[in-house]
Amino acid sequence: MININPGNNENIIRRSSALTGYTFLIELVRKYEQEMGLKEAICAAIDECIDSDILADFLSPHRNEVEKLMNPARPNIHDPTRNTMVPIRPKTASLVMAVELPPDPA
């Protein structure tokens, strides 16, 4: 597993169009989530990637699976301070991708 957050492992990410695209997708989700809910942010980010031909060959046929993996069902727990049920939100959602990297040019 590698860290794909900005500023991390850029030499590896640049060598793979799949990792570059995935990094872009995750950044879009984070950006859109500031303006809307997570589910809507995921859909908007996927739409933008497909429209921009970023991971379109993967995202188009696997859209439903990607949406589910990035926004798993959230169980609820009872919050006694509010006497109500509240959703549990996972801290991170991710996809696992297997990519073959070309040799490092350095």
PDB file of N, CA and C in Angstrom:
ATOM      1  N   MET A   1       0.837  -1.175   0.000  1.00  0.00           N
ATOM      2  CA  MET A   1       0.000   0.000   0.000  1.00  0.00           C
ATOM      3  C   MET A   1       0.880   1.235   0.000  1.00  0.00           C
ATOM      4  N   ILE A   2       0.473   2.245  -0.750  1.00  0.00           N
ATOM      5  CA  ILE A   2       1.234   3.488  -0.742  1.00  0.00           C
ATOM      6  C   ILE A   2       0.314   4.656  -0.413  1.00  0.00           C
ATOM      7  N   ASN A   3       0.890   5.674   0.163  1.00  0.00           N
ATOM      8  CA  ASN A   3       0.149   6.889   0.493  1.00  0.00           C
ATOM      9  C   ASN A   3       0.035   7.731  -0.771  1.00  0.00           C
ATOM     10  N   ILE A   4      -1.200   8.027  -1.187  1.00  0.00           N
ATOM     11  CA  ILE A   4      -1.400   8.814  -2.396  1.00  0.00           C
ATOM     12  C   ILE A   4      -1.819  10.245  -2.093  1.00  0.00           C
ATOM     13  N   ASN A   5      -1.753  10.644  -0.843  1.00  0.00           N
ATOM     14  CA  ASN A   5      -2.084  12.025  -0.511  1.00  0.00           C
ATOM     15  C   ASN A   5      -1.056  12.954  -1.146  1.00  0.00           C
ATOM     16  N   PRO A   6      -1.471  14.185  -1.479  1.00  0.00           N
ATOM     17  CA  PRO A   6      -0.555  15.127  -2.118  1.00  0.00           C
ATOM     18  C   PRO A   6       0.766  15.246  -1.356  1.00  0.00           C
ATOM     19  N   GLY A   7       1.860  15.244  -2.113  1.00  0.00           N
ATOM     20  CA  GLY A   7       3.179  15.368  -1.517  1.00  0.00           C
ATOM     21  C   GLY A   7       3.809  14.061  -1.095  1.00  0.00           C
ATOM     22  N   ASN A   8       3.107  12.955  -1.265  1.00  0.00           N
ATOM     23  CA  ASN A   8       3.613  11.639  -0.879  1.00  0.00           C
ATOM     24  C   ASN A   8       3.771  10.750  -2.104  1.00  0.00           C
ATOM     25  N   ASN A   9       4.902  10.087  -2.198  1.00  0.00           N
ATOM     26  CA  ASN A   9       5.152   9.076  -3.227  1.00  0.00           C
ATOM     27  C   ASN A   9       4.876   9.563  -4.652  1.00  0.00           C
ATOM     28  N   GLU A  10       5.143  10.839  -4.907  1.00  0.00           N
ATOM     29  CA  GLU A  10       4.860  11.398  -6.235  1.00  0.00           C
ATOM     30  C   GLU A  10       5.656  10.693  -7.334  1.00  0.00           C
ATOM     31  N   ASN A  11       6.860  10.236  -7.023  1.00  0.00           N
ATOM     32  CA  ASN A  11       7.658   9.537  -8.031  1.00  0.00           C
ATOM     33  C   ASN A  11       7.002   8.226  -8.461  1.00  0.00           C
ATOM     34  N   ILE A  12       6.272   7.582  -7.577  1.00  0.00           N
ATOM     35  CA  ILE A  12       5.562   6.346  -7.923  1.00  0.00           C
ATOM     36  C   ILE A  12       4.258   6.674  -8.643  1.00  0.00           C
ATOM     37  N   ILE A  13       3.531   7.641  -8.123  1.00  0.00           N
ATOM     38  CA  ILE A  13       2.232   8.009  -8.692  1.00  0.00           C
ATOM     39  C   ILE A  13       2.387   8.461 -10.147  1.00  0.00           C
ATOM     40  N   ARG A  14       3.397   9.247 -10.432  1.00  0.00           N
ATOM     41  CA  ARG A  14       3.609   9.749 -11.799  1.00  0.00           C
ATOM     42  C   ARG A  14       3.880   8.625 -12.798  1.00  0.00           C
ATOM     43  N   ARG A  15       4.344   7.501 -12.341  1.00  0.00           N
ATOM     44  CA  ARG A  15       4.677   6.385 -13.229  1.00  0.00           C
ATOM     45  C   ARG A  15       3.459   5.546 -13.605  1.00  0.00           C
ATOM     46  N   SER A  16       2.316   5.850 -13.046  1.00  0.00           N
ATOM     47  CA  SER A  16       1.119   5.057 -13.308  1.00  0.00           C
ATOM     48  C   SER A  16      -0.066   5.974 -13.583  1.00  0.00           C
ATOM     49  N   SER A  17      -0.648   5.854 -14.768  1.00  0.00           N
ATOM     50  CA  SER A  17      -1.824   6.676 -15.071  1.00  0.00           C
ATOM     51  C   SER A  17      -3.000   6.283 -14.169  1.00  0.00           C
ATOM     52  N   ALA A  18      -3.062   5.011 -13.768  1.00  0.00           N
ATOM     53  CA  ALA A  18      -4.137   4.577 -12.866  1.00  0.00           C
ATOM     54  C   ALA A  18      -4.008   5.246 -11.505  1.00  0.00           C
ATOM     55  N   LEU A  19      -2.806   5.282 -10.946  1.00  0.00           N
ATOM     56  CA  LEU A  19      -2.608   5.935  -9.651  1.00  0.00           C
ATOM     57  C   LEU A  19      -2.808   7.437  -9.747  1.00  0.00           C
ATOM     58  N   THR A  20      -2.348   8.033 -10.842  1.00  0.00           N
ATOM     59  CA  THR A  20      -2.561   9.467 -11.038  1.00  0.00           C
ATOM     60  C   THR A  20      -4.054   9.767 -11.086  1.00  0.00           C
ATOM     61  N   GLY A  21      -4.802   8.962 -11.827  1.00  0.00           N
ATOM     62  CA  GLY A  21      -6.249   9.140 -11.916  1.00  0.00           C
ATOM     63  C   GLY A  21      -6.950   8.912 -10.597  1.00  0.00           C
ATOM     64  N   TYR A  22      -6.542   7.884  -9.874  1.00  0.00           N
ATOM     65  CA  TYR A  22      -7.148   7.587  -8.580  1.00  0.00           C
ATOM     66  C   TYR A  22      -6.883   8.721  -7.593  1.00  0.00           C
ATOM     67  N   THR A  23      -5.670   9.256  -7.615  1.00  0.00           N
ATOM     68  CA  THR A  23      -5.342  10.383  -6.744  1.00  0.00           C
ATOM     69  C   THR A  23      -6.236  11.572  -7.072  1.00  0.00           C
ATOM     70  N   PHE A  24      -6.438  11.817  -8.363  1.00  0.00           N
ATOM     71  CA  PHE A  24      -7.305  12.909  -8.806  1.00  0.00           C
ATOM     72  C   PHE A  24      -8.733  12.687  -8.326  1.00  0.00           C
ATOM     73  N   LEU A  25      -9.241  11.457  -8.463  1.00  0.00           N
ATOM     74  CA  LEU A  25     -10.593  11.127  -8.014  1.00  0.00           C
ATOM     75  C   LEU A  25     -10.760  11.398  -6.524  1.00  0.00           C
ATOM     76  N   ILE A  26      -9.818  10.954  -5.723  1.00  0.00           N
ATOM     77  CA  ILE A  26      -9.912  11.143  -4.272  1.00  0.00           C
ATOM     78  C   ILE A  26      -9.882  12.628  -3.914  1.00  0.00           C
ATOM     79  N   GLU A  27      -9.026  13.392  -4.589  1.00  0.00           N
ATOM     80  CA  GLU A  27      -8.966  14.836  -4.328  1.00  0.00           C
ATOM     81  C   GLU A  27     -10.280  15.515  -4.705  1.00  0.00           C
ATOM     82  N   LEU A  28     -10.900  15.082  -5.792  1.00  0.00           N
ATOM     83  CA  LEU A  28     -12.201  15.643  -6.175  1.00  0.00           C
ATOM     84  C   LEU A  28     -13.260  15.336  -5.124  1.00  0.00           C
ATOM     85  N   VAL A  29     -13.272  14.095  -4.637  1.00  0.00           N
ATOM     86  CA  VAL A  29     -14.252  13.738  -3.599  1.00  0.00           C
ATOM     87  C   VAL A  29     -14.062  14.635  -2.388  1.00  0.00           C
ATOM     88  N   ARG A  30     -12.827  14.835  -1.957  1.00  0.00           N
ATOM     89  CA  ARG A  30     -12.562  15.697  -0.800  1.00  0.00           C
ATOM     90  C   ARG A  30     -13.021  17.126  -1.055  1.00  0.00           C
ATOM     91  N   LYS A  31     -12.771  17.619  -2.269  1.00  0.00           N
ATOM     92  CA  LYS A  31     -13.181  18.991  -2.624  1.00  0.00           C
ATOM     93  C   LYS A  31     -14.699  19.118  -2.600  1.00  0.00           C
ATOM     94  N   TYR A  32     -15.383  18.183  -3.283  1.00  0.00           N
ATOM     95  CA  TYR A  32     -16.841  18.257  -3.354  1.00  0.00           C
ATOM     96  C   TYR A  32     -17.506  18.007  -2.005  1.00  0.00           C
ATOM     97  N   GLU A  33     -16.876  17.231  -1.156  1.00  0.00           N
ATOM     98  CA  GLU A  33     -17.481  16.933   0.152  1.00  0.00           C
ATOM     99  C   GLU A  33     -17.590  18.183   1.024  1.00  0.00           C
ATOM    100  N   GLN A  34     -16.804  19.198   0.734  1.00  0.00           N
ATOM    101  CA  GLN A  34     -16.907  20.455   1.472  1.00  0.00           C
ATOM    102  C   GLN A  34     -18.189  21.203   1.113  1.00  0.00           C
ATOM    103  N   GLU A  35     -18.783  20.862  -0.026  1.00  0.00           N
ATOM    104  CA  GLU A  35     -19.973  21.552  -0.520  1.00  0.00           C
ATOM    105  C   GLU A  35     -21.245  20.710  -0.434  1.00  0.00           C
ATOM    106  N   MET A  36     -21.090  19.383  -0.282  1.00  0.00           N
ATOM    107  CA  MET A  36     -22.251  18.493  -0.321  1.00  0.00           C
ATOM    108  C   MET A  36     -21.970  17.248   0.512  1.00  0.00           C
ATOM    109  N   GLY A  37     -22.926  16.370   0.593  1.00  0.00           N
ATOM    110  CA  GLY A  37     -22.741  15.129   1.334  1.00  0.00           C
ATOM    111  C   GLY A  37     -21.767  14.197   0.627  1.00  0.00           C
ATOM    112  N   LEU A  38     -21.280  13.189   1.355  1.00  0.00           N
ATOM    113  CA  LEU A  38     -20.289  12.273   0.808  1.00  0.00           C
ATOM    114  C   LEU A  38     -20.815  11.533  -0.418  1.00  0.00           C
ATOM    115  N   LYS A  39     -22.012  11.016  -0.364  1.00  0.00           N
ATOM    116  CA  LYS A  39     -22.559  10.261  -1.490  1.00  0.00           C
ATOM    117  C   LYS A  39     -22.629  11.128  -2.745  1.00  0.00           C
ATOM    118  N   GLU A  40     -23.098  12.351  -2.599  1.00  0.00           N
ATOM    119  CA  GLU A  40     -23.187  13.264  -3.732  1.00  0.00           C
ATOM    120  C   GLU A  40     -21.791  13.648  -4.237  1.00  0.00           C
ATOM    121  N   ALA A  41     -20.849  13.827  -3.299  1.00  0.00           N
ATOM    122  CA  ALA A  41     -19.477  14.180  -3.665  1.00  0.00           C
ATOM    123  C   ALA A  41     -18.829  13.062  -4.480  1.00  0.00           C
ATOM    124  N   ILE A  42     -19.061  11.825  -4.087  1.00  0.00           N
ATOM    125  CA  ILE A  42     -18.512  10.681  -4.815  1.00  0.00           C
ATOM    126  C   ILE A  42     -19.085  10.647  -6.234  1.00  0.00           C
ATOM    127  N   CYS A  43     -20.391  10.816  -6.348  1.00  0.00           N
ATOM    128  CA  CYS A  43     -21.031  10.800  -7.673  1.00  0.00           C
ATOM    129  C   CYS A  43     -20.515  11.931  -8.552  1.00  0.00           C
ATOM    130  N   ALA A  44     -20.395  13.130  -7.988  1.00  0.00           N
ATOM    131  CA  ALA A  44     -19.906  14.281  -8.757  1.00  0.00           C
ATOM    132  C   ALA A  44     -18.458  14.064  -9.209  1.00  0.00           C
ATOM    133  N   ALA A  45     -17.641  13.512  -8.325  1.00  0.00           N
ATOM    134  CA  ALA A  45     -16.240  13.264  -8.664  1.00  0.00           C
ATOM    135  C   ALA A  45     -16.128  12.202  -9.762  1.00  0.00           C
ATOM    136  N   ILE A  46     -16.908  11.151  -9.663  1.00  0.00           N
ATOM    137  CA  ILE A  46     -16.897  10.114 -10.701  1.00  0.00           C
ATOM    138  C   ILE A  46     -17.352  10.704 -12.029  1.00  0.00           C
ATOM    139  N   ASP A  47     -18.420  11.501 -12.003  1.00  0.00           N
ATOM    140  CA  ASP A  47     -18.901  12.144 -13.229  1.00  0.00           C
ATOM    141  C   ASP A  47     -17.809  12.996 -13.867  1.00  0.00           C
ATOM    142  N   GLU A  48     -17.132  13.800 -13.062  1.00  0.00           N
ATOM    143  CA  GLU A  48     -16.088  14.672 -13.595  1.00  0.00           C
ATOM    144  C   GLU A  48     -14.931  13.857 -14.176  1.00  0.00           C
ATOM    145  N   CYS A  49     -14.549  12.799 -13.489  1.00  0.00           N
ATOM    146  CA  CYS A  49     -13.467  11.951 -14.013  1.00  0.00           C
ATOM    147  C   CYS A  49     -13.856  11.340 -15.350  1.00  0.00           C
ATOM    148  N   ILE A  50     -15.059  10.798 -15.447  1.00  0.00           N
ATOM    149  CA  ILE A  50     -15.506  10.192 -16.699  1.00  0.00           C
ATOM    150  C   ILE A  50     -15.558  11.243 -17.805  1.00  0.00           C
ATOM    151  N   ASP A  51     -16.129  12.413 -17.489  1.00  0.00           N
ATOM    152  CA  ASP A  51     -16.221  13.488 -18.487  1.00  0.00           C
ATOM    153  C   ASP A  51     -14.848  13.969 -18.941  1.00  0.00           C
ATOM    154  N   SER A  52     -13.860  13.885 -18.049  1.00  0.00           N
ATOM    155  CA  SER A  52     -12.496  14.325 -18.364  1.00  0.00           C
ATOM    156  C   SER A  52     -11.628  13.187 -18.882  1.00  0.00           C
ATOM    157  N   ASP A  53     -12.219  12.020 -19.100  1.00  0.00           N
ATOM    158  CA  ASP A  53     -11.516  10.824 -19.563  1.00  0.00           C
ATOM    159  C   ASP A  53     -10.387  10.415 -18.613  1.00  0.00           C
ATOM    160  N   ILE A  54     -10.657  10.530 -17.329  1.00  0.00           N
ATOM    161  CA  ILE A  54      -9.717  10.097 -16.287  1.00  0.00           C
ATOM    162  C   ILE A  54     -10.315   8.842 -15.657  1.00  0.00           C
ATOM    163  N   LEU A  55      -9.660   7.721 -15.828  1.00  0.00           N
ATOM    164  CA  LEU A  55     -10.136   6.415 -15.360  1.00  0.00           C
ATOM    165  C   LEU A  55     -11.495   6.044 -15.945  1.00  0.00           C
ATOM    166  N   ALA A  56     -11.886   6.696 -17.043  1.00  0.00           N
ATOM    167  CA  ALA A  56     -13.208   6.465 -17.628  1.00  0.00           C
ATOM    168  C   ALA A  56     -13.416   5.006 -18.021  1.00  0.00           C
ATOM    169  N   ASP A  57     -12.366   4.360 -18.548  1.00  0.00           N
ATOM    170  CA  ASP A  57     -12.489   2.958 -18.953  1.00  0.00           C
ATOM    171  C   ASP A  57     -12.798   2.043 -17.770  1.00  0.00           C
ATOM    172  N   PHE A  58     -12.377   2.437 -16.571  1.00  0.00           N
ATOM    173  CA  PHE A  58     -12.650   1.651 -15.367  1.00  0.00           C
ATOM    174  C   PHE A  58     -13.933   2.122 -14.690  1.00  0.00           C
ATOM    175  N   LEU A  59     -14.073   3.440 -14.541  1.00  0.00           N
ATOM    176  CA  LEU A  59     -15.200   3.971 -13.776  1.00  0.00           C
ATOM    177  C   LEU A  59     -16.546   3.734 -14.452  1.00  0.00           C
ATOM    178  N   SER A  60     -16.598   3.844 -15.762  1.00  0.00           N
ATOM    179  CA  SER A  60     -17.886   3.671 -16.454  1.00  0.00           C
ATOM    180  C   SER A  60     -18.504   2.298 -16.196  1.00  0.00           C
ATOM    181  N   PRO A  61     -17.784   1.208 -16.443  1.00  0.00           N
ATOM    182  CA  PRO A  61     -18.422  -0.093 -16.216  1.00  0.00           C
ATOM    183  C   PRO A  61     -18.507  -0.511 -14.750  1.00  0.00           C
ATOM    184  N   HIS A  62     -17.723   0.117 -13.880  1.00  0.00           N
ATOM    185  CA  HIS A  62     -17.683  -0.297 -12.471  1.00  0.00           C
ATOM    186  C   HIS A  62     -18.178   0.783 -11.520  1.00  0.00           C
ATOM    187  N   ARG A  63     -18.924   1.718 -12.029  1.00  0.00           N
ATOM    188  CA  ARG A  63     -19.373   2.863 -11.233  1.00  0.00           C
ATOM    189  C   ARG A  63     -20.066   2.452  -9.937  1.00  0.00           C
ATOM    190  N   ASN A  64     -21.018   1.536 -10.024  1.00  0.00           N
ATOM    191  CA  ASN A  64     -21.772   1.141  -8.824  1.00  0.00           C
ATOM    192  C   ASN A  64     -20.865   0.549  -7.752  1.00  0.00           C
ATOM    193  N   GLU A  65     -19.934  -0.303  -8.169  1.00  0.00           N
ATOM    194  CA  GLU A  65     -19.010  -0.896  -7.196  1.00  0.00           C
ATOM    195  C   GLU A  65     -18.119   0.163  -6.560  1.00  0.00           C
ATOM    196  N   VAL A  66     -17.654   1.110  -7.372  1.00  0.00           N
ATOM    197  CA  VAL A  66     -16.793   2.180  -6.856  1.00  0.00           C
ATOM    198  C   VAL A  66     -17.563   3.025  -5.836  1.00  0.00           C
ATOM    199  N   GLU A  67     -18.792   3.382  -6.167  1.00  0.00           N
ATOM    200  CA  GLU A  67     -19.610   4.175  -5.242  1.00  0.00           C
ATOM    201  C   GLU A  67     -19.807   3.440  -3.917  1.00  0.00           C
ATOM    202  N   LYS A  68     -20.087   2.150  -3.985  1.00  0.00           N
ATOM    203  CA  LYS A  68     -20.299   1.369  -2.761  1.00  0.00           C
ATOM    204  C   LYS A  68     -19.020   1.271  -1.929  1.00  0.00           C
ATOM    205  N   LEU A  69     -17.885   1.057  -2.603  1.00  0.00           N
ATOM    206  CA  LEU A  69     -16.622   0.942  -1.874  1.00  0.00           C
ATOM    207  C   LEU A  69     -16.215   2.261  -1.212  1.00  0.00           C
ATOM    208  N   MET A  70     -16.525   3.357  -1.875  1.00  0.00           N
ATOM    209  CA  MET A  70     -16.127   4.655  -1.334  1.00  0.00           C
ATOM    210  C   MET A  70     -17.108   5.177  -0.290  1.00  0.00           C
ATOM    211  N   ASN A  71     -18.317   4.644  -0.274  1.00  0.00           N
ATOM    212  CA  ASN A  71     -19.338   5.090   0.671  1.00  0.00           C
ATOM    213  C   ASN A  71     -20.069   3.876   1.220  1.00  0.00           C
ATOM    214  N   PRO A  72     -19.365   3.073   2.032  1.00  0.00           N
ATOM    215  CA  PRO A  72     -20.009   1.867   2.557  1.00  0.00           C
ATOM    216  C   PRO A  72     -21.198   2.214   3.449  1.00  0.00           C
ATOM    217  N   ALA A  73     -22.100   1.266   3.552  1.00  0.00           N
ATOM    218  CA  ALA A  73     -23.260   1.467   4.427  1.00  0.00           C
ATOM    219  C   ALA A  73     -22.776   1.812   5.823  1.00  0.00           C
ATOM    220  N   ARG A  74     -23.392   2.782   6.388  1.00  0.00           N
ATOM    221  CA  ARG A  74     -22.970   3.240   7.710  1.00  0.00           C
ATOM    222  C   ARG A  74     -23.954   2.752   8.769  1.00  0.00           C
ATOM    223  N   PRO A  75     -23.481   1.943   9.670  1.00  0.00           N
ATOM    224  CA  PRO A  75     -24.377   1.518  10.754  1.00  0.00           C
ATOM    225  C   PRO A  75     -24.657   2.679  11.698  1.00  0.00           C
ATOM    226  N   ASN A  76     -25.727   2.570  12.433  1.00  0.00           N
ATOM    227  CA  ASN A  76     -26.076   3.596  13.409  1.00  0.00           C
ATOM    228  C   ASN A  76     -25.810   3.085  14.816  1.00  0.00           C
ATOM    229  N   ILE A  77     -25.491   4.010  15.706  1.00  0.00           N
ATOM    230  CA  ILE A  77     -25.352   3.673  17.121  1.00  0.00           C
ATOM    231  C   ILE A  77     -26.217   4.630  17.927  1.00  0.00           C
ATOM    232  N   HIS A  78     -26.559   4.233  19.115  1.00  0.00           N
ATOM    233  CA  HIS A  78     -27.359   5.085  19.980  1.00  0.00           C
ATOM    234  C   HIS A  78     -26.452   6.083  20.683  1.00  0.00           C
ATOM    235  N   ASP A  79     -26.826   7.364  20.615  1.00  0.00           N
ATOM    236  CA  ASP A  79     -26.083   8.428  21.305  1.00  0.00           C
ATOM    237  C   ASP A  79     -26.908   8.841  22.519  1.00  0.00           C
ATOM    238  N   PRO A  80     -26.488   8.406  23.714  1.00  0.00           N
ATOM    239  CA  PRO A  80     -27.292   8.703  24.904  1.00  0.00           C
ATOM    240  C   PRO A  80     -27.367  10.192  25.222  1.00  0.00           C
ATOM    241  N   THR A  81     -26.388  10.978  24.764  1.00  0.00           N
ATOM    242  CA  THR A  81     -26.431  12.415  25.057  1.00  0.00           C
ATOM    243  C   THR A  81     -27.537  13.109  24.266  1.00  0.00           C
ATOM    244  N   ARG A  82     -27.913  12.511  23.138  1.00  0.00           N
ATOM    245  CA  ARG A  82     -28.984  13.094  22.324  1.00  0.00           C
ATOM    246  C   ARG A  82     -30.241  12.228  22.340  1.00  0.00           C
ATOM    247  N   ASN A  83     -30.117  11.050  22.946  1.00  0.00           N
ATOM    248  CA  ASN A  83     -31.201  10.073  22.972  1.00  0.00           C
ATOM    249  C   ASN A  83     -31.725   9.801  21.557  1.00  0.00           C
ATOM    250  N   THR A  84     -30.797   9.571  20.663  1.00  0.00           N
ATOM    251  CA  THR A  84     -31.153   9.313  19.274  1.00  0.00           C
ATOM    252  C   THR A  84     -30.117   8.394  18.639  1.00  0.00           C
ATOM    253  N   MET A  85     -30.395   7.939  17.453  1.00  0.00           N
ATOM    254  CA  MET A  85     -29.447   7.142  16.696  1.00  0.00           C
ATOM    255  C   MET A  85     -28.627   8.069  15.800  1.00  0.00           C
ATOM    256  N   VAL A  86     -27.335   7.850  15.740  1.00  0.00           N
ATOM    257  CA  VAL A  86     -26.468   8.664  14.890  1.00  0.00           C
ATOM    258  C   VAL A  86     -25.654   7.748  13.991  1.00  0.00           C
ATOM    259  N   PRO A  87     -25.343   8.219  12.769  1.00  0.00           N
ATOM    260  CA  PRO A  87     -24.561   7.378  11.865  1.00  0.00           C
ATOM    261  C   PRO A  87     -23.102   7.316  12.283  1.00  0.00           C
ATOM    262  N   ILE A  88     -22.491   6.168  12.051  1.00  0.00           N
ATOM    263  CA  ILE A  88     -21.053   6.011  12.241  1.00  0.00           C
ATOM    264  C   ILE A  88     -20.429   6.224  10.867  1.00  0.00           C
ATOM    265  N   ARG A  89     -19.501   7.133  10.780  1.00  0.00           N
ATOM    266  CA  ARG A  89     -18.854   7.400   9.503  1.00  0.00           C
ATOM    267  C   ARG A  89     -17.433   6.876   9.520  1.00  0.00           C
ATOM    268  N   PRO A  90     -17.079   6.053   8.535  1.00  0.00           N
ATOM    269  CA  PRO A  90     -15.698   5.581   8.500  1.00  0.00           C
ATOM    270  C   PRO A  90     -14.752   6.754   8.277  1.00  0.00           C
ATOM    271  N   LYS A  91     -13.581   6.701   8.907  1.00  0.00           N
ATOM    272  CA  LYS A  91     -12.621   7.787   8.760  1.00  0.00           C
ATOM    273  C   LYS A  91     -12.085   7.863   7.348  1.00  0.00           C
ATOM    274  N   THR A  92     -11.953   6.736   6.706  1.00  0.00           N
ATOM    275  CA  THR A  92     -11.452   6.731   5.334  1.00  0.00           C
ATOM    276  C   THR A  92     -12.205   5.708   4.525  1.00  0.00           C
ATOM    277  N   ALA A  93     -12.277   5.983   3.264  1.00  0.00           N
ATOM    278  CA  ALA A  93     -12.826   5.007   2.317  1.00  0.00           C
ATOM    279  C   ALA A  93     -11.809   4.908   1.199  1.00  0.00           C
ATOM    280  N   SER A  94     -11.548   3.728   0.762  1.00  0.00           N
ATOM    281  CA  SER A  94     -10.540   3.605  -0.288  1.00  0.00           C
ATOM    282  C   SER A  94     -10.840   2.415  -1.182  1.00  0.00           C
ATOM    283  N   LEU A  95     -10.230   2.452  -2.337  1.00  0.00           N
ATOM    284  CA  LEU A  95     -10.263   1.335  -3.264  1.00  0.00           C
ATOM    285  C   LEU A  95      -8.883   0.717  -3.256  1.00  0.00           C
ATOM    286  N   VAL A  96      -8.828  -0.554  -3.452  1.00  0.00           N
ATOM    287  CA  VAL A  96      -7.536  -1.203  -3.589  1.00  0.00           C
ATOM    288  C   VAL A  96      -7.342  -1.455  -5.073  1.00  0.00           C
ATOM    289  N   MET A  97      -6.230  -0.966  -5.582  1.00  0.00           N
ATOM    290  CA  MET A  97      -5.944  -1.119  -7.000  1.00  0.00           C
ATOM    291  C   MET A  97      -4.627  -1.852  -7.167  1.00  0.00           C
ATOM    292  N   ALA A  98      -4.591  -2.758  -8.097  1.00  0.00           N
ATOM    293  CA  ALA A  98      -3.335  -3.418  -8.451  1.00  0.00           C
ATOM    294  C   ALA A  98      -2.858  -2.766  -9.743  1.00  0.00           C
ATOM    295  N   VAL A  99      -1.688  -2.174  -9.701  1.00  0.00           N
ATOM    296  CA  VAL A  99      -1.147  -1.528 -10.882  1.00  0.00           C
ATOM    297  C   VAL A  99       0.265  -2.024 -11.127  1.00  0.00           C
ATOM    298  N   GLU A 100       0.611  -2.120 -12.384  1.00  0.00           N
ATOM    299  CA  GLU A 100       1.955  -2.510 -12.751  1.00  0.00           C
ATOM    300  C   GLU A 100       2.710  -1.241 -13.118  1.00  0.00           C
ATOM    301  N   LEU A 101       3.798  -0.983 -12.418  1.00  0.00           N
ATOM    302  CA  LEU A 101       4.585   0.222 -12.647  1.00  0.00           C
ATOM    303  C   LEU A 101       5.708  -0.050 -13.633  1.00  0.00           C
ATOM    304  N   PRO A 102       5.934   0.907 -14.532  1.00  0.00           N
ATOM    305  CA  PRO A 102       7.106   0.761 -15.398  1.00  0.00           C
ATOM    306  C   PRO A 102       8.366   0.949 -14.572  1.00  0.00           C
ATOM    307  N   PRO A 103       9.515   0.540 -15.080  1.00  0.00           N
ATOM    308  CA  PRO A 103      10.747   0.720 -14.320  1.00  0.00           C
ATOM    309  C   PRO A 103      11.002   2.191 -14.004  1.00  0.00           C
ATOM    310  N   ASP A 104      11.589   2.442 -12.864  1.00  0.00           N
ATOM    311  CA  ASP A 104      11.925   3.800 -12.461  1.00  0.00           C
ATOM    312  C   ASP A 104      13.013   4.340 -13.383  1.00  0.00           C
ATOM    313  N   PRO A 105      12.754   5.491 -14.031  1.00  0.00           N
ATOM    314  CA  PRO A 105      13.746   6.001 -14.987  1.00  0.00           C
ATOM    315  C   PRO A 105      15.028   6.519 -14.342  1.00  0.00           C
ATOM    316  N   ALA A 106      15.017   6.710 -13.051  1.00  0.00           N
ATOM    317  CA  ALA A 106      16.201   7.276 -12.379  1.00  0.00           C
ATOM    318  C   ALA A 106      17.330   6.279 -12.220  1.00  0.00           C
TER     319      ALA A 106
END
